[in-house]
C-alpha atoms as a PDB file:
ATOM      1  CA  UNK A   1      -2.737  -3.576 -50.163  1.00  0.00           C
ATOM      2  CA  UNK A   2       0.424  -4.022 -47.795  1.00  0.00           C
ATOM      3  CA  UNK A   3      -0.037  -6.937 -45.033  1.00  0.00           C
ATOM      4  CA  UNK A   4      -0.847  -5.314 -41.429  1.00  0.00           C
ATOM      5  CA  UNK A   5       2.301  -6.754 -40.097  1.00  0.00           C
ATOM      6  CA  UNK A   6       4.365  -4.744 -43.063  1.00  0.00           C
ATOM      7  CA  UNK A   7       2.247  -1.610 -42.389  1.00  0.00           C
ATOM      8  CA  UNK A   8       3.012  -1.584 -38.557  1.00  0.00           C
ATOM      9  CA  UNK A   9       6.891  -2.288 -39.259  1.00  0.00           C
ATOM     10  CA  UNK A  10       6.972   0.394 -41.888  1.00  0.00           C
ATOM     11  CA  UNK A  11       5.414   2.882 -39.377  1.00  0.00           C
ATOM     12  CA  UNK A  12       7.716   1.695 -36.571  1.00  0.00           C
ATOM     13  CA  UNK A  13      10.616   2.649 -38.743  1.00  0.00           C
ATOM     14  CA  UNK A  14       8.824   6.109 -39.521  1.00  0.00           C
ATOM     15  CA  UNK A  15       8.723   6.632 -35.753  1.00  0.00           C
ATOM     16  CA  UNK A  16      12.336   5.607 -35.474  1.00  0.00           C
ATOM     17  CA  UNK A  17      13.406   8.080 -37.446  1.00  0.00           C
ATOM     18  CA  UNK A  18      11.378  10.624 -35.993  1.00  0.00           C
ATOM     19  CA  UNK A  19      13.201   9.754 -32.533  1.00  0.00           C
ATOM     20  CA  UNK A  20      16.372  10.261 -34.213  1.00  0.00           C
ATOM     21  CA  UNK A  21      15.461  13.566 -35.911  1.00  0.00           C
ATOM     22  CA  UNK A  22      14.282  14.872 -32.335  1.00  0.00           C
ATOM     23  CA  UNK A  23      17.477  13.577 -30.652  1.00  0.00           C
ATOM     24  CA  UNK A  24      19.330  15.824 -33.112  1.00  0.00           C
ATOM     25  CA  UNK A  25      17.033  18.659 -32.881  1.00  0.00           C
ATOM     26  CA  UNK A  26      17.805  18.330 -29.130  1.00  0.00           C
ATOM     27  CA  UNK A  27      21.316  18.626 -29.493  1.00  0.00           C
ATOM     28  CA  UNK A  28      21.312  21.175 -31.632  1.00  0.00           C
ATOM     29  CA  UNK A  29      19.663  23.238 -28.521  1.00  0.00           C
ATOM     30  CA  UNK A  30      22.216  22.128 -26.336  1.00  0.00           C
ATOM     31  CA  UNK A  31      24.948  22.979 -28.883  1.00  0.00           C
ATOM     32  CA  UNK A  32      23.234  26.747 -29.185  1.00  0.00           C
ATOM     33  CA  UNK A  33      22.346  26.279 -32.869  1.00  0.00           C
ATOM     34  CA  UNK A  34      18.756  26.864 -31.881  1.00  0.00           C
ATOM     35  CA  UNK A  35      17.434  29.139 -29.235  1.00  0.00           C
ATOM     36  CA  UNK A  36      15.645  27.387 -26.244  1.00  0.00           C
ATOM     37  CA  UNK A  37      12.681  29.317 -26.259  1.00  0.00           C
ATOM     38  CA  UNK A  38       9.498  29.280 -23.645  1.00  0.00           C
ATOM     39  CA  UNK A  39       7.512  26.443 -24.677  1.00  0.00           C
ATOM     40  CA  UNK A  40       3.879  27.396 -26.124  1.00  0.00           C
ATOM     41  CA  UNK A  41       1.198  27.107 -23.589  1.00  0.00           C
ATOM     42  CA  UNK A  42      -0.673  24.580 -25.840  1.00  0.00           C
ATOM     43  CA  UNK A  43       2.372  22.128 -25.559  1.00  0.00           C
ATOM     44  CA  UNK A  44       2.525  22.698 -21.566  1.00  0.00           C
ATOM     45  CA  UNK A  45      -1.208  22.104 -21.285  1.00  0.00           C
ATOM     46  CA  UNK A  46      -1.139  18.851 -23.604  1.00  0.00           C
ATOM     47  CA  UNK A  47       2.136  17.193 -21.980  1.00  0.00           C
ATOM     48  CA  UNK A  48       1.427  18.705 -18.523  1.00  0.00           C
ATOM     49  CA  UNK A  49       4.628  20.479 -18.666  1.00  0.00           C
ATOM     50  CA  UNK A  50       6.148  22.805 -15.678  1.00  0.00           C
ATOM     51  CA  UNK A  51       4.889  26.421 -16.321  1.00  0.00           C
ATOM     52  CA  UNK A  52       8.458  27.266 -16.851  1.00  0.00           C
ATOM     53  CA  UNK A  53       9.385  24.966 -19.616  1.00  0.00           C
ATOM     54  CA  UNK A  54      11.276  25.603 -22.517  1.00  0.00           C
ATOM     55  CA  UNK A  55      11.325  24.209 -26.246  1.00  0.00           C
ATOM     56  CA  UNK A  56      13.775  21.326 -25.037  1.00  0.00           C
ATOM     57  CA  UNK A  57      11.233  20.225 -22.600  1.00  0.00           C
ATOM     58  CA  UNK A  58       8.576  20.147 -25.475  1.00  0.00           C
ATOM     59  CA  UNK A  59      11.097  18.214 -27.581  1.00  0.00           C
ATOM     60  CA  UNK A  60      11.793  15.637 -24.761  1.00  0.00           C
ATOM     61  CA  UNK A  61       7.923  14.894 -24.392  1.00  0.00           C
ATOM     62  CA  UNK A  62       7.334  14.576 -28.343  1.00  0.00           C
ATOM     63  CA  UNK A  63      10.351  12.121 -28.754  1.00  0.00           C
ATOM     64  CA  UNK A  64       8.919  10.097 -25.397  1.00  0.00           C
ATOM     65  CA  UNK A  65       5.452   9.741 -27.442  1.00  0.00           C
ATOM     66  CA  UNK A  66       7.250   8.909 -30.695  1.00  0.00           C
ATOM     67  CA  UNK A  67       9.283   6.069 -28.790  1.00  0.00           C
ATOM     68  CA  UNK A  68       6.057   4.582 -27.519  1.00  0.00           C
ATOM     69  CA  UNK A  69       4.576   4.840 -30.987  1.00  0.00           C
ATOM     70  CA  UNK A  70       7.548   2.855 -32.457  1.00  0.00           C
ATOM     71  CA  UNK A  71       7.359   0.585 -29.703  1.00  0.00           C
ATOM     72  CA  UNK A  72       3.809  -0.212 -30.318  1.00  0.00           C
ATOM     73  CA  UNK A  73       3.926  -0.463 -33.817  1.00  0.00           C
ATOM     74  CA  UNK A  74       6.878  -2.809 -33.691  1.00  0.00           C
ATOM     75  CA  UNK A  75       4.988  -5.088 -31.049  1.00  0.00           C
ATOM     76  CA  UNK A  76       2.069  -5.114 -33.258  1.00  0.00           C
ATOM     77  CA  UNK A  77       4.021  -6.191 -36.330  1.00  0.00           C
ATOM     78  CA  UNK A  78       5.992  -8.937 -34.037  1.00  0.00           C
ATOM     79  CA  UNK A  79       2.433 -10.206 -32.990  1.00  0.00           C
ATOM     80  CA  UNK A  80       0.999 -10.352 -36.447  1.00  0.00           C
ATOM     81  CA  UNK A  81       1.226 -13.207 -38.801  1.00  0.00           C
ATOM     82  CA  UNK A  82       0.590 -11.640 -42.229  1.00  0.00           C
END
């Protein structure tokens, strides 16, 4: 089994990759590669977005969550000894 420290560090790196991927997706919307469709109601409700939210707003909310997950996992890894 991998140590807790290593596991949290690895998850932190996965979350970093997710942040990068969502940033690229957002850039694709801004460049017109992908349509900035209206956000689904479930996303509006979950992230407390404006009623007229778009896909880009959802991506920003998800990316913010991923950033938090990244920071939490790296912080856990930094504080664990093994």
